[in-house]
Amino acid sequence: MHASRVGRRVATTLAGILIAGAASLAAAPANAASPVPNGDAHVAAQPAKGTAWQEPRGKVVSRLTLAVRERPTTNSRYLGGLRPGSIVSISCKVRGQNVDGNNLWYKLGNGRSGYSSARYIENLSPVPYC
């Protein structure tokens, strides 16, 4: 292979790696957890001074509409539903009724009241306990 072609191929490869690395840094969540000195890994990281705090978010992974309940149990009052694939704000998590092997429930955030089973919400960022 000709030397100038090898140089161009190396430069193109390096440029691709740099672009991919920059894209992955840009895609990192702004509120990702940082190491907590006292070992409380369940506590979400606090924002740096001067930045806005964003509530944790989750993606509804149920096949059907996911129920929002008044308390963290399927026996409590139905308040509404969450569509499959939707992204929801989460205030915090609590222990409640066991749903398919998972006893965690997410208290919904962003001014919305109610709880939904964590069994059917994939958390997209760390969620603190209530």
N, C-alpha and C. Protein backbone atom coordinates (compact mmCIF):
# COMPACT_ATOMS: atom_id res chain seq x y z
N MET A 1 0.85 -1.16 0.00
CA MET A 1 0.00 0.00 0.00
C MET A 1 0.90 1.23 0.00
N HIS A 2 0.49 2.24 -0.67
CA HIS A 2 1.25 3.47 -0.78
C HIS A 2 1.26 4.21 0.55
N ALA A 3 2.37 4.88 0.90
CA ALA A 3 2.52 5.53 2.21
C ALA A 3 1.47 6.61 2.45
N SER A 4 1.11 7.38 1.40
CA SER A 4 0.13 8.45 1.60
C SER A 4 -1.26 7.87 1.88
N ARG A 5 -1.55 6.71 1.29
CA ARG A 5 -2.83 6.06 1.54
C ARG A 5 -2.90 5.55 2.98
N VAL A 6 -1.81 5.00 3.46
CA VAL A 6 -1.75 4.51 4.84
C VAL A 6 -1.95 5.67 5.81
N GLY A 7 -1.30 6.79 5.54
CA GLY A 7 -1.45 7.96 6.40
C GLY A 7 -2.87 8.46 6.44
N ARG A 8 -3.53 8.49 5.28
CA ARG A 8 -4.93 8.94 5.24
C ARG A 8 -5.84 7.97 5.99
N ARG A 9 -5.58 6.67 5.85
CA ARG A 9 -6.41 5.66 6.50
C ARG A 9 -6.27 5.79 8.03
N VAL A 10 -5.04 5.99 8.51
CA VAL A 10 -4.80 6.16 9.94
C VAL A 10 -5.49 7.43 10.44
N ALA A 11 -5.39 8.52 9.70
CA ALA A 11 -6.02 9.77 10.10
C ALA A 11 -7.53 9.63 10.13
N THR A 12 -8.11 8.94 9.16
CA THR A 12 -9.56 8.73 9.12
C THR A 12 -10.01 7.88 10.31
N THR A 13 -9.25 6.84 10.63
CA THR A 13 -9.58 5.98 11.75
C THR A 13 -9.52 6.75 13.07
N LEU A 14 -8.47 7.53 13.25
CA LEU A 14 -8.35 8.33 14.47
C LEU A 14 -9.47 9.35 14.59
N ALA A 15 -9.83 9.99 13.49
CA ALA A 15 -10.92 10.95 13.52
C ALA A 15 -12.23 10.27 13.91
N GLY A 16 -12.46 9.07 13.40
CA GLY A 16 -13.67 8.32 13.75
C GLY A 16 -13.72 7.99 15.23
N ILE A 17 -12.57 7.60 15.79
CA ILE A 17 -12.51 7.28 17.21
C ILE A 17 -12.78 8.52 18.05
N LEU A 18 -12.18 9.63 17.67
CA LEU A 18 -12.40 10.87 18.42
C LEU A 18 -13.85 11.32 18.37
N ILE A 19 -14.48 11.21 17.22
CA ILE A 19 -15.89 11.60 17.08
C ILE A 19 -16.77 10.69 17.91
N ALA A 20 -16.52 9.38 17.86
CA ALA A 20 -17.31 8.43 18.64
C ALA A 20 -17.15 8.68 20.13
N GLY A 21 -15.94 8.98 20.57
CA GLY A 21 -15.70 9.28 21.99
C GLY A 21 -16.42 10.53 22.43
N ALA A 22 -16.40 11.56 21.59
CA ALA A 22 -17.09 12.81 21.92
C ALA A 22 -18.59 12.59 21.99
N ALA A 23 -19.13 11.76 21.10
CA ALA A 23 -20.56 11.49 21.10
C ALA A 23 -20.97 10.75 22.36
N SER A 24 -20.14 9.79 22.82
CA SER A 24 -20.51 9.06 24.03
C SER A 24 -20.43 9.96 25.27
N LEU A 25 -19.52 10.91 25.28
CA LEU A 25 -19.46 11.85 26.40
C LEU A 25 -20.67 12.76 26.40
N ALA A 26 -21.11 13.18 25.23
CA ALA A 26 -22.28 14.05 25.14
C ALA A 26 -23.54 13.32 25.55
N ALA A 27 -23.57 11.99 25.33
CA ALA A 27 -24.76 11.21 25.65
C ALA A 27 -24.84 10.83 27.12
N ALA A 28 -23.77 11.03 27.89
CA ALA A 28 -23.79 10.68 29.31
C ALA A 28 -24.81 11.53 30.04
N PRO A 29 -25.63 10.92 30.93
CA PRO A 29 -26.64 11.70 31.64
C PRO A 29 -26.00 12.74 32.53
N ALA A 30 -26.64 13.90 32.62
CA ALA A 30 -26.11 15.01 33.41
C ALA A 30 -26.16 14.73 34.90
N ASN A 31 -27.06 13.82 35.33
CA ASN A 31 -27.17 13.56 36.76
C ASN A 31 -26.72 12.15 37.12
N ALA A 32 -25.72 11.62 36.40
CA ALA A 32 -25.19 10.30 36.72
C ALA A 32 -24.55 10.32 38.10
N ALA A 33 -24.64 9.19 38.77
CA ALA A 33 -24.13 9.12 40.15
C ALA A 33 -22.61 9.20 40.17
N SER A 34 -22.12 9.87 41.19
CA SER A 34 -20.68 9.92 41.43
C SER A 34 -20.42 9.13 42.71
N PRO A 35 -19.18 8.73 42.95
CA PRO A 35 -18.91 7.97 44.17
C PRO A 35 -19.34 8.76 45.40
N VAL A 36 -20.00 8.07 46.31
CA VAL A 36 -20.49 8.70 47.53
C VAL A 36 -19.56 8.29 48.66
N PRO A 37 -18.97 9.26 49.39
CA PRO A 37 -17.97 8.93 50.41
C PRO A 37 -18.45 7.99 51.50
N ASN A 38 -19.71 8.07 51.91
CA ASN A 38 -20.18 7.23 53.02
C ASN A 38 -20.71 5.88 52.56
N GLY A 39 -20.61 5.59 51.26
CA GLY A 39 -21.00 4.29 50.74
C GLY A 39 -22.48 4.15 50.44
N ASP A 40 -23.26 5.21 50.53
CA ASP A 40 -24.69 5.13 50.21
C ASP A 40 -24.87 5.17 48.70
N ALA A 41 -24.72 4.02 48.05
CA ALA A 41 -24.79 3.96 46.59
C ALA A 41 -26.19 4.25 46.06
N HIS A 42 -27.22 4.12 46.92
CA HIS A 42 -28.59 4.35 46.46
C HIS A 42 -28.96 5.83 46.40
N VAL A 43 -28.10 6.70 46.88
CA VAL A 43 -28.38 8.13 46.89
C VAL A 43 -27.93 8.73 45.57
N ALA A 44 -28.81 9.46 44.90
CA ALA A 44 -28.45 10.08 43.63
C ALA A 44 -27.47 11.21 43.86
N ALA A 45 -26.61 11.43 42.90
CA ALA A 45 -25.61 12.50 43.01
C ALA A 45 -26.30 13.86 42.97
N GLN A 46 -25.77 14.80 43.73
CA GLN A 46 -26.28 16.16 43.73
C GLN A 46 -25.64 16.93 42.58
N PRO A 47 -26.33 17.88 42.01
CA PRO A 47 -25.76 18.64 40.90
C PRO A 47 -24.66 19.58 41.37
N ALA A 48 -23.78 19.93 40.46
CA ALA A 48 -22.75 20.91 40.77
C ALA A 48 -23.41 22.26 40.96
N LYS A 49 -22.76 23.14 41.73
CA LYS A 49 -23.33 24.47 41.95
C LYS A 49 -23.57 25.17 40.63
N GLY A 50 -24.72 25.81 40.53
CA GLY A 50 -25.05 26.56 39.32
C GLY A 50 -25.75 25.73 38.25
N THR A 51 -25.96 24.41 38.49
CA THR A 51 -26.66 23.60 37.51
C THR A 51 -28.03 23.23 38.05
N ALA A 52 -28.97 23.00 37.18
CA ALA A 52 -30.33 22.66 37.58
C ALA A 52 -30.42 21.18 37.92
N TRP A 53 -31.16 20.85 38.96
CA TRP A 53 -31.38 19.46 39.35
C TRP A 53 -32.47 18.87 38.47
N GLN A 54 -32.19 17.72 37.90
CA GLN A 54 -33.19 17.02 37.10
C GLN A 54 -33.59 15.75 37.84
N GLU A 55 -34.89 15.50 37.90
CA GLU A 55 -35.36 14.28 38.55
C GLU A 55 -34.91 13.07 37.74
N PRO A 56 -34.72 11.95 38.43
CA PRO A 56 -34.42 10.71 37.70
C PRO A 56 -35.55 10.40 36.74
N ARG A 57 -35.22 9.67 35.70
CA ARG A 57 -36.22 9.31 34.70
C ARG A 57 -36.20 7.80 34.48
N GLY A 58 -37.29 7.29 33.95
CA GLY A 58 -37.39 5.87 33.64
C GLY A 58 -38.22 5.66 32.39
N LYS A 59 -38.03 4.50 31.78
CA LYS A 59 -38.77 4.14 30.57
C LYS A 59 -39.73 3.00 30.89
N VAL A 60 -40.99 3.15 30.53
CA VAL A 60 -42.01 2.13 30.76
C VAL A 60 -41.74 0.96 29.81
N VAL A 61 -41.50 -0.23 30.37
CA VAL A 61 -41.16 -1.40 29.55
C VAL A 61 -42.25 -2.46 29.55
N SER A 62 -43.43 -2.13 30.04
CA SER A 62 -44.55 -3.08 30.01
C SER A 62 -45.11 -3.15 28.59
N ARG A 63 -45.81 -4.24 28.31
CA ARG A 63 -46.44 -4.36 26.98
C ARG A 63 -47.79 -3.64 26.93
N LEU A 64 -48.42 -3.56 28.08
CA LEU A 64 -49.72 -2.90 28.18
C LEU A 64 -49.56 -1.62 28.99
N THR A 65 -50.60 -0.82 29.05
CA THR A 65 -50.57 0.41 29.84
C THR A 65 -50.27 0.05 31.29
N LEU A 66 -49.30 0.76 31.89
CA LEU A 66 -48.88 0.50 33.27
C LEU A 66 -49.72 1.35 34.22
N ALA A 67 -50.29 0.71 35.22
CA ALA A 67 -51.16 1.40 36.18
C ALA A 67 -50.36 2.32 37.09
N VAL A 68 -50.96 3.49 37.38
CA VAL A 68 -50.44 4.41 38.39
C VAL A 68 -51.41 4.28 39.57
N ARG A 69 -50.85 3.98 40.76
CA ARG A 69 -51.66 3.72 41.94
C ARG A 69 -51.45 4.78 43.00
N GLU A 70 -52.43 4.93 43.88
CA GLU A 70 -52.36 5.91 44.96
C GLU A 70 -51.27 5.56 45.98
N ARG A 71 -51.07 4.27 46.24
CA ARG A 71 -50.04 3.77 47.15
C ARG A 71 -49.28 2.65 46.44
N PRO A 72 -48.13 2.20 46.98
CA PRO A 72 -47.35 1.17 46.30
C PRO A 72 -47.89 -0.25 46.47
N THR A 73 -49.12 -0.43 46.02
CA THR A 73 -49.77 -1.74 46.05
C THR A 73 -50.83 -1.79 44.95
N THR A 74 -51.05 -2.97 44.40
CA THR A 74 -52.05 -3.11 43.33
C THR A 74 -53.47 -3.00 43.86
N ASN A 75 -53.63 -3.06 45.19
CA ASN A 75 -54.96 -2.96 45.79
C ASN A 75 -55.39 -1.52 46.03
N SER A 76 -54.53 -0.55 45.81
CA SER A 76 -54.89 0.84 46.05
C SER A 76 -55.58 1.44 44.83
N ARG A 77 -56.13 2.64 45.02
CA ARG A 77 -56.92 3.31 43.99
C ARG A 77 -56.10 3.56 42.72
N TYR A 78 -56.72 3.28 41.57
CA TYR A 78 -56.13 3.51 40.25
C TYR A 78 -56.22 5.00 39.92
N LEU A 79 -55.07 5.62 39.59
CA LEU A 79 -55.05 7.05 39.28
C LEU A 79 -54.88 7.35 37.79
N GLY A 80 -54.50 6.35 37.02
CA GLY A 80 -54.26 6.56 35.59
C GLY A 80 -53.29 5.52 35.08
N GLY A 81 -52.76 5.78 33.88
CA GLY A 81 -51.86 4.81 33.29
C GLY A 81 -50.70 5.47 32.55
N LEU A 82 -49.65 4.68 32.32
CA LEU A 82 -48.47 5.12 31.58
C LEU A 82 -48.33 4.25 30.34
N ARG A 83 -48.16 4.87 29.20
CA ARG A 83 -48.05 4.13 27.94
C ARG A 83 -46.72 3.41 27.82
N PRO A 84 -46.72 2.21 27.23
CA PRO A 84 -45.47 1.49 27.00
C PRO A 84 -44.51 2.34 26.16
N GLY A 85 -43.25 2.37 26.56
CA GLY A 85 -42.24 3.14 25.83
C GLY A 85 -42.11 4.58 26.25
N SER A 86 -43.04 5.06 27.08
CA SER A 86 -42.98 6.47 27.49
C SER A 86 -41.88 6.68 28.53
N ILE A 87 -41.34 7.89 28.57
CA ILE A 87 -40.32 8.28 29.54
C ILE A 87 -41.02 9.08 30.64
N VAL A 88 -40.79 8.68 31.91
CA VAL A 88 -41.46 9.33 33.03
C VAL A 88 -40.44 9.86 34.02
N SER A 89 -40.80 10.93 34.72
CA SER A 89 -39.97 11.46 35.81
C SER A 89 -40.28 10.68 37.07
N ILE A 90 -39.23 10.39 37.83
CA ILE A 90 -39.37 9.61 39.06
C ILE A 90 -38.86 10.45 40.22
N SER A 91 -39.67 10.54 41.27
CA SER A 91 -39.27 11.30 42.45
C SER A 91 -38.34 10.48 43.33
N CYS A 92 -38.76 9.24 43.66
CA CYS A 92 -37.97 8.37 44.53
C CYS A 92 -38.55 6.96 44.47
N LYS A 93 -37.92 6.03 45.19
CA LYS A 93 -38.41 4.65 45.22
C LYS A 93 -38.71 4.23 46.65
N VAL A 94 -39.70 3.33 46.77
CA VAL A 94 -40.10 2.79 48.08
C VAL A 94 -40.31 1.29 47.94
N ARG A 95 -40.33 0.61 49.07
CA ARG A 95 -40.67 -0.82 49.07
C ARG A 95 -42.18 -0.94 49.24
N GLY A 96 -42.77 -1.82 48.46
CA GLY A 96 -44.21 -2.02 48.51
C GLY A 96 -44.54 -3.46 48.18
N GLN A 97 -45.70 -3.66 47.59
CA GLN A 97 -46.15 -4.99 47.22
C GLN A 97 -45.20 -5.60 46.19
N ASN A 98 -44.94 -6.89 46.34
CA ASN A 98 -44.09 -7.61 45.40
C ASN A 98 -44.85 -7.83 44.09
N VAL A 99 -44.26 -7.38 42.98
CA VAL A 99 -44.85 -7.57 41.66
C VAL A 99 -43.85 -8.36 40.81
N ASP A 100 -44.17 -9.60 40.52
CA ASP A 100 -43.31 -10.48 39.73
C ASP A 100 -41.87 -10.49 40.23
N GLY A 101 -41.69 -10.62 41.55
CA GLY A 101 -40.36 -10.73 42.13
C GLY A 101 -39.67 -9.41 42.45
N ASN A 102 -40.34 -8.28 42.26
CA ASN A 102 -39.75 -6.97 42.54
C ASN A 102 -40.67 -6.20 43.48
N ASN A 103 -40.16 -5.83 44.67
CA ASN A 103 -41.01 -5.12 45.63
C ASN A 103 -40.74 -3.61 45.65
N LEU A 104 -40.01 -3.09 44.67
CA LEU A 104 -39.78 -1.65 44.58
C LEU A 104 -40.85 -0.99 43.73
N TRP A 105 -41.25 0.20 44.16
CA TRP A 105 -42.21 1.01 43.43
C TRP A 105 -41.61 2.40 43.28
N TYR A 106 -41.87 3.04 42.16
CA TYR A 106 -41.39 4.40 41.92
C TYR A 106 -42.51 5.39 42.18
N LYS A 107 -42.21 6.39 43.01
CA LYS A 107 -43.13 7.51 43.20
C LYS A 107 -42.88 8.45 42.03
N LEU A 108 -43.91 8.75 41.30
CA LEU A 108 -43.76 9.57 40.10
C LEU A 108 -43.39 11.01 40.46
N GLY A 109 -42.65 11.64 39.59
CA GLY A 109 -42.19 13.00 39.82
C GLY A 109 -42.84 13.99 38.89
N ASN A 110 -42.24 15.16 38.79
CA ASN A 110 -42.69 16.23 37.91
C ASN A 110 -44.12 16.64 38.21
N GLY A 111 -44.46 16.68 39.50
CA GLY A 111 -45.79 17.13 39.91
C GLY A 111 -46.88 16.09 39.75
N ARG A 112 -46.57 14.91 39.27
CA ARG A 112 -47.58 13.87 39.08
C ARG A 112 -47.66 13.02 40.35
N SER A 113 -48.86 12.72 40.80
CA SER A 113 -49.01 11.92 42.01
C SER A 113 -49.16 10.45 41.65
N GLY A 114 -48.76 9.60 42.58
CA GLY A 114 -48.96 8.17 42.41
C GLY A 114 -47.68 7.38 42.31
N TYR A 115 -47.86 6.05 42.32
CA TYR A 115 -46.76 5.09 42.27
C TYR A 115 -47.00 4.10 41.14
N SER A 116 -45.90 3.62 40.56
CA SER A 116 -45.97 2.53 39.58
C SER A 116 -44.90 1.52 39.93
N SER A 117 -45.17 0.26 39.63
CA SER A 117 -44.24 -0.80 39.96
C SER A 117 -42.93 -0.65 39.19
N ALA A 118 -41.81 -0.73 39.92
CA ALA A 118 -40.49 -0.63 39.29
C ALA A 118 -40.22 -1.84 38.40
N ARG A 119 -41.00 -2.91 38.55
CA ARG A 119 -40.84 -4.10 37.71
C ARG A 119 -41.03 -3.76 36.24
N TYR A 120 -41.83 -2.74 35.95
CA TYR A 120 -42.14 -2.39 34.57
C TYR A 120 -41.62 -1.02 34.15
N ILE A 121 -40.68 -0.47 34.93
CA ILE A 121 -40.03 0.80 34.56
C ILE A 121 -38.53 0.59 34.64
N GLU A 122 -37.86 0.78 33.52
CA GLU A 122 -36.40 0.68 33.48
C GLU A 122 -35.84 2.04 33.85
N ASN A 123 -35.12 2.10 34.99
CA ASN A 123 -34.60 3.41 35.40
C ASN A 123 -33.45 3.81 34.47
N LEU A 124 -33.45 5.07 34.04
CA LEU A 124 -32.44 5.60 33.13
C LEU A 124 -31.36 6.38 33.88
N SER A 125 -31.57 6.57 35.16
CA SER A 125 -30.60 7.24 36.03
C SER A 125 -30.84 6.76 37.44
N PRO A 126 -29.87 6.95 38.36
CA PRO A 126 -30.04 6.48 39.73
C PRO A 126 -31.27 7.10 40.40
N VAL A 127 -31.99 6.28 41.17
CA VAL A 127 -33.20 6.74 41.86
C VAL A 127 -32.99 6.58 43.36
N PRO A 128 -33.10 7.68 44.14
CA PRO A 128 -32.92 7.58 45.60
C PRO A 128 -34.16 6.98 46.26
N TYR A 129 -33.97 6.47 47.48
CA TYR A 129 -35.11 6.03 48.28
C TYR A 129 -35.82 7.26 48.84
N CYS A 130 -37.13 7.13 49.05
CA CYS A 130 -37.92 8.23 49.62
C CYS A 130 -37.59 8.43 51.08
